[in-house]
Protein backbone atom coordinates (compact mmCIF):
# COMPACT_ATOMS: atom_id res chain seq x y z
CA MET A 1 79.53 100.87 119.88
CA ARG A 2 81.63 100.00 116.87
CA PRO A 3 85.15 98.67 117.48
CA SER A 4 87.88 101.04 116.35
CA PRO A 5 89.73 99.81 113.24
CA ALA A 6 93.22 98.40 113.71
CA ARG A 7 95.98 100.84 112.87
CA LEU A 8 97.80 100.22 109.63
CA LEU A 9 101.51 99.51 109.47
CA ASN A 10 102.47 101.74 106.56
CA ILE A 11 105.54 100.86 104.51
CA LEU A 12 106.87 103.15 101.78
CA VAL A 13 109.08 101.52 99.15
CA PRO A 14 110.89 103.88 96.74
CA VAL A 15 111.81 102.14 93.47
CA LYS A 16 113.85 103.29 90.50
CA ARG A 17 113.65 102.61 86.78
CA ALA A 18 117.19 101.79 85.63
CA VAL A 19 118.93 100.27 82.63
CA ASP A 20 118.40 96.51 82.83
CA TYR A 21 121.24 94.65 84.52
CA ALA A 22 121.68 92.35 81.50
CA VAL A 23 122.24 95.22 79.03
CA LYS A 24 125.79 96.00 77.93
CA ILE A 25 126.36 99.65 78.81
CA ARG A 26 127.59 101.94 76.03
CA VAL A 27 128.52 105.63 76.12
CA ASN A 28 126.28 107.84 73.99
CA PRO A 29 127.79 109.68 70.97
CA GLN A 30 127.71 113.04 72.81
CA GLN A 31 129.78 111.54 75.67
CA THR A 32 127.37 113.06 78.19
CA GLY A 33 126.29 109.74 79.67
CA VAL A 34 125.28 106.23 78.70
CA ASP A 35 122.91 105.25 75.90
CA LEU A 36 119.42 105.10 77.40
CA ASN A 37 117.64 103.74 74.31
CA VAL A 38 117.82 100.23 75.74
CA LYS A 39 115.73 97.95 77.92
CA HIS A 40 114.92 99.28 81.39
CA SER A 41 113.62 97.49 84.48
CA MET A 42 113.31 97.99 88.22
CA ASN A 43 116.62 98.47 90.03
CA PRO A 44 117.42 94.96 91.45
CA PHE A 45 118.07 96.25 94.98
CA ASP A 46 114.65 97.93 94.94
CA GLU A 47 113.06 94.65 93.85
CA ILE A 48 114.51 93.14 97.03
CA ALA A 49 112.96 96.01 99.01
CA VAL A 50 109.50 95.39 97.52
CA GLU A 51 109.82 91.68 98.18
CA GLU A 52 110.81 92.26 101.82
CA ALA A 53 107.85 94.59 102.39
CA VAL A 54 105.50 91.91 101.05
CA ARG A 55 107.19 89.23 103.18
CA ILE A 56 106.80 91.39 106.29
CA ARG A 57 103.06 91.38 105.65
CA GLU A 58 103.03 87.64 105.02
CA ARG A 59 105.07 86.85 108.18
CA LEU A 60 102.77 88.71 110.55
CA PRO A 61 100.34 86.43 112.45
CA LYS A 62 96.63 86.68 111.81
CA GLY A 63 95.03 89.42 113.84
CA SER A 64 98.12 91.62 113.67
CA GLU A 65 98.14 95.15 112.36
CA PRO A 66 97.16 95.26 108.69
CA VAL A 67 100.02 96.31 106.43
CA ASN A 68 99.76 98.87 103.64
CA ILE A 69 102.60 98.97 101.09
CA THR A 70 103.04 102.03 98.89
CA ALA A 71 105.51 102.01 96.01
CA LEU A 72 107.01 105.34 94.98
CA THR A 73 109.04 106.31 91.96
CA ILE A 74 110.45 109.55 90.56
CA GLY A 75 110.96 109.53 86.82
CA PRO A 76 109.58 110.07 83.32
CA PRO A 77 106.19 108.75 82.16
CA LYS A 78 107.70 105.33 81.30
CA SER A 79 108.45 104.83 85.00
CA ILE A 80 104.82 103.79 85.45
CA GLU A 81 105.94 100.36 84.20
CA THR A 82 108.25 100.06 87.20
CA LEU A 83 105.38 100.93 89.54
CA ARG A 84 103.13 98.35 87.88
CA THR A 85 105.82 95.73 88.53
CA ALA A 86 105.89 96.68 92.22
CA LEU A 87 102.09 96.54 92.37
CA ALA A 88 102.09 93.11 90.72
CA MET A 89 104.60 91.88 93.29
CA GLY A 90 102.25 92.88 96.12
CA ALA A 91 102.29 96.63 96.73
CA ASP A 92 98.82 98.08 97.41
CA THR A 93 99.11 101.61 96.02
CA ALA A 94 101.67 103.70 94.16
CA ILE A 95 102.88 107.27 93.82
CA HIS A 96 104.51 108.60 90.66
CA VAL A 97 106.40 111.88 90.84
CA GLU A 98 106.59 112.58 87.13
CA ILE A 99 109.41 114.51 85.47
CA PRO A 100 109.95 115.20 81.75
CA GLU A 101 111.56 112.51 79.60
CA SER A 102 114.39 114.92 78.72
CA ALA A 103 115.11 115.88 82.33
CA PRO A 104 118.37 114.63 83.88
CA ALA A 105 118.13 111.84 86.43
CA PRO A 106 117.43 113.26 89.91
CA GLU A 107 120.37 113.25 92.31
CA PRO A 108 120.15 111.51 95.73
CA LEU A 109 119.62 114.72 97.72
CA GLY A 110 116.75 115.81 95.48
CA VAL A 111 115.18 112.35 95.73
CA ALA A 112 115.57 112.36 99.53
CA LYS A 113 113.91 115.79 99.80
CA ALA A 114 111.00 114.62 97.62
CA ILE A 115 110.49 111.51 99.76
CA ARG A 116 110.60 113.65 102.90
CA ALA A 117 107.92 115.93 101.41
CA ILE A 118 105.69 112.94 100.58
CA ILE A 119 106.07 111.53 104.10
CA GLU A 120 105.21 114.90 105.63
CA LYS A 121 102.12 115.13 103.40
CA HIS A 122 100.92 111.80 104.84
CA LYS A 123 101.79 112.69 108.44
CA ASP A 124 98.28 113.98 109.20
CA LYS A 125 96.66 110.88 107.66
CA GLU A 126 98.09 107.41 108.22
CA GLY A 127 101.74 108.37 108.49
CA VAL A 128 104.68 106.25 107.39
CA ASP A 129 106.25 103.77 109.81
CA MET A 130 109.02 102.41 107.64
CA VAL A 131 110.83 103.22 104.41
CA ILE A 132 112.52 100.26 102.72
CA LEU A 133 114.66 100.88 99.65
CA GLY A 134 117.64 99.41 97.85
CA LYS A 135 121.07 100.23 99.24
CA GLN A 136 122.04 101.65 95.82
CA SER A 137 120.95 101.76 92.19
CA ILE A 138 122.97 99.92 89.58
CA ASP A 139 123.15 102.88 87.21
CA ASP A 140 125.06 105.39 89.37
CA ASP A 141 126.03 103.18 92.39
CA LEU A 142 125.95 106.22 94.69
CA GLY A 143 124.30 104.50 97.66
CA GLN A 144 123.34 107.75 99.41
CA THR A 145 119.56 108.16 99.23
CA GLY A 146 118.57 106.07 102.26
CA GLN A 147 121.06 107.77 104.55
CA MET A 148 119.99 111.22 103.32
CA ILE A 149 116.31 110.49 103.98
CA ALA A 150 117.17 109.42 107.54
CA GLY A 151 119.22 112.58 108.05
CA LEU A 152 116.50 114.90 106.73
CA LEU A 153 113.77 113.26 108.82
CA GLY A 154 115.83 112.57 111.93
CA TRP A 155 114.80 108.88 111.80
CA GLY A 156 116.83 105.85 112.78
CA GLN A 157 118.43 103.89 109.96
CA ALA A 158 119.79 100.40 109.30
CA THR A 159 121.72 100.05 106.04
CA TYR A 160 122.85 96.98 104.07
CA ALA A 161 120.23 94.78 105.71
CA SER A 162 120.51 91.01 105.22
CA LYS A 163 117.77 90.13 107.77
CA ILE A 164 114.88 92.07 109.33
CA ASP A 165 112.97 90.98 112.46
CA LEU A 166 110.06 93.24 113.42
CA ASN A 167 108.67 93.54 116.93
CA LEU A 168 105.33 95.34 116.60
CA GLU A 169 104.66 95.32 120.34
CA GLN A 170 107.86 97.22 121.10
CA LYS A 171 107.66 99.18 117.83
CA ASN A 172 111.17 98.36 116.71
CA ALA A 173 113.14 96.06 114.43
CA VAL A 174 116.35 94.09 114.83
CA VAL A 175 118.28 94.35 111.57
CA THR A 176 121.26 92.21 110.66
CA ARG A 177 123.77 94.19 108.58
CA GLU A 178 126.62 93.00 106.42
CA ILE A 179 129.88 94.73 107.31
CA ASP A 180 133.52 94.12 106.38
CA GLY A 181 134.20 92.10 109.54
CA GLY A 182 131.11 89.88 109.22
CA LEU A 183 127.61 90.60 110.53
CA GLU A 184 126.30 93.30 112.85
CA GLN A 185 122.89 93.52 114.56
CA VAL A 186 121.24 96.86 115.29
CA ARG A 187 117.89 97.69 116.91
CA VAL A 188 115.96 100.54 115.29
CA LYS A 189 112.78 102.18 116.56
CA PHE A 190 109.80 103.14 114.41
CA PRO A 191 109.76 105.21 112.26
CA MET A 192 112.84 103.91 110.45
CA ILE A 193 114.79 103.75 107.19
CA ILE A 194 116.13 100.38 105.99
CA THR A 195 118.28 99.81 102.90
CA THR A 196 118.44 96.30 101.47
CA ASP A 197 121.42 94.15 100.53
CA LEU A 198 121.55 91.26 98.07
CA ARG A 199 121.26 88.42 100.59
CA LEU A 200 118.08 89.72 102.26
CA ASN A 201 115.81 87.69 99.96
CA GLU A 202 115.18 86.51 96.41
CA PRO A 203 112.37 88.51 94.75
CA ARG A 204 109.38 86.62 93.42
CA TYR A 205 108.18 86.67 89.84
CA ALA A 206 104.84 88.41 89.43
CA SER A 207 102.13 86.00 88.29
CA LEU A 208 99.91 86.81 85.31
CA PRO A 209 96.77 87.29 87.48
CA ASN A 210 98.68 89.70 89.73
CA ILE A 211 99.98 91.59 86.69
CA MET A 212 96.39 92.02 85.53
CA LYS A 213 95.24 93.11 89.01
CA ALA A 214 98.09 95.65 89.18
CA LYS A 215 96.54 97.57 86.29
CA LYS A 216 93.52 98.37 88.49
CA LYS A 217 95.45 99.43 91.60
CA PRO A 218 95.52 103.19 92.31
CA VAL A 219 98.49 105.30 91.21
CA THR A 220 98.71 108.89 92.45
CA LYS A 221 100.53 111.29 90.14
CA LEU A 222 102.45 114.25 91.51
CA THR A 223 104.88 116.83 90.16
CA PRO A 224 107.98 118.31 91.83
CA ALA A 225 105.99 121.56 92.19
CA ASP A 226 103.31 119.71 94.19
CA LEU A 227 106.01 118.72 96.68
CA GLY A 228 107.85 122.04 96.66
CA VAL A 229 111.12 120.44 95.55
CA SER A 230 113.52 120.92 92.66
CA PHE A 231 115.52 118.29 90.85
CA GLU A 232 117.95 120.80 89.38
CA PRO A 233 121.32 119.00 89.24
CA GLN A 234 123.98 120.14 91.69
CA MET A 235 126.72 118.34 89.76
CA GLU A 236 127.76 118.82 86.15
CA ILE A 237 129.02 115.85 84.15
CA LEU A 238 131.80 117.15 81.94
CA LYS A 239 132.53 114.03 79.95
CA VAL A 240 131.87 110.29 79.97
CA THR A 241 134.23 107.91 78.18
CA GLU A 242 134.67 104.16 78.06
CA PRO A 243 137.69 102.71 79.88
CA PRO A 244 140.72 102.04 77.66
CA LYS A 245 140.81 98.61 76.10
CA ARG A 246 143.13 96.19 77.82
CA VAL A 247 146.30 95.24 75.95
CA GLY A 248 147.23 91.58 75.89
CA GLY A 249 150.12 90.42 78.06
CA ALA A 250 153.46 89.06 76.82
CA LYS A 251 155.98 86.56 78.13
CA VAL A 252 159.60 87.47 78.76
CA GLU A 253 162.62 85.18 78.82
CA SER A 254 164.54 86.81 81.66
CA VAL A 255 164.46 89.38 84.44
CA ASP A 256 166.67 91.69 82.40
CA GLU A 257 164.20 91.65 79.54
CA LEU A 258 161.36 92.40 81.99
CA VAL A 259 163.27 95.39 83.40
CA GLU A 260 163.90 96.73 79.91
CA LYS A 261 160.23 96.44 78.98
CA LEU A 262 159.18 98.20 82.19
CA LYS A 263 161.60 101.04 81.48
CA ALA A 264 160.32 101.33 77.93
CA ALA A 265 156.76 101.58 79.32
CA GLY A 266 157.83 104.46 81.57
CA PHE A 267 158.24 102.59 84.87
CA ASN A 268 161.43 103.61 86.63
CA ALA A 269 162.83 102.52 89.97
CA VAL A 270 162.42 105.04 92.79
């Protein structure tokens, strides 16, 4: 009689292609958004999520459940580069929900619904035990996707994670969160949603051999229609402008002169 194979611990890591953090952001001439004809890379918080998924696999003792890491992105054809980066860092497989290059960036609710649809598609196969993603993306800073996924699925969530301790026997994790008053520890049962904060880890650089191997790893392509979701925007951006340039300060000789300048600038005592 053959021994039954060990069950996989399946981790889904959504990643986003965003304007590189080192690029100086400029408003486009139409004032409908920022100029996107610049260098793009993986959202830094999502890099931390990929790194943590790989470290979870590396921390498990030999003989533990094997870990499968799937990277997921929603974006135009160029987003495949972001998936290849995740695969080079250690992800095993990838899913690309492709949208046209001219399509507006999906909003958090649409992304959350797409991720829910993907998880439900895998429910009859291996299932997903954990979703790890960045707490926010640096392009819109909304920080809503993780919480929306948890709400749609009815899963437990631990946001702003700075430390993750898994207990596979009890099927839960103790997550240390960063809050205004310091640190908070929460225990979350599988399946779960975790969003990553900056101090969780420092992502590794992908080595050249791993970059070459990533080109051979499988990438599944899907469309919004395959998932039964729509990325039609619910919000309309009316106008985007740069903040006004700061005016240099000036010294005054007395309080009376300061009061006069304040009055001239339109500041009046209440």
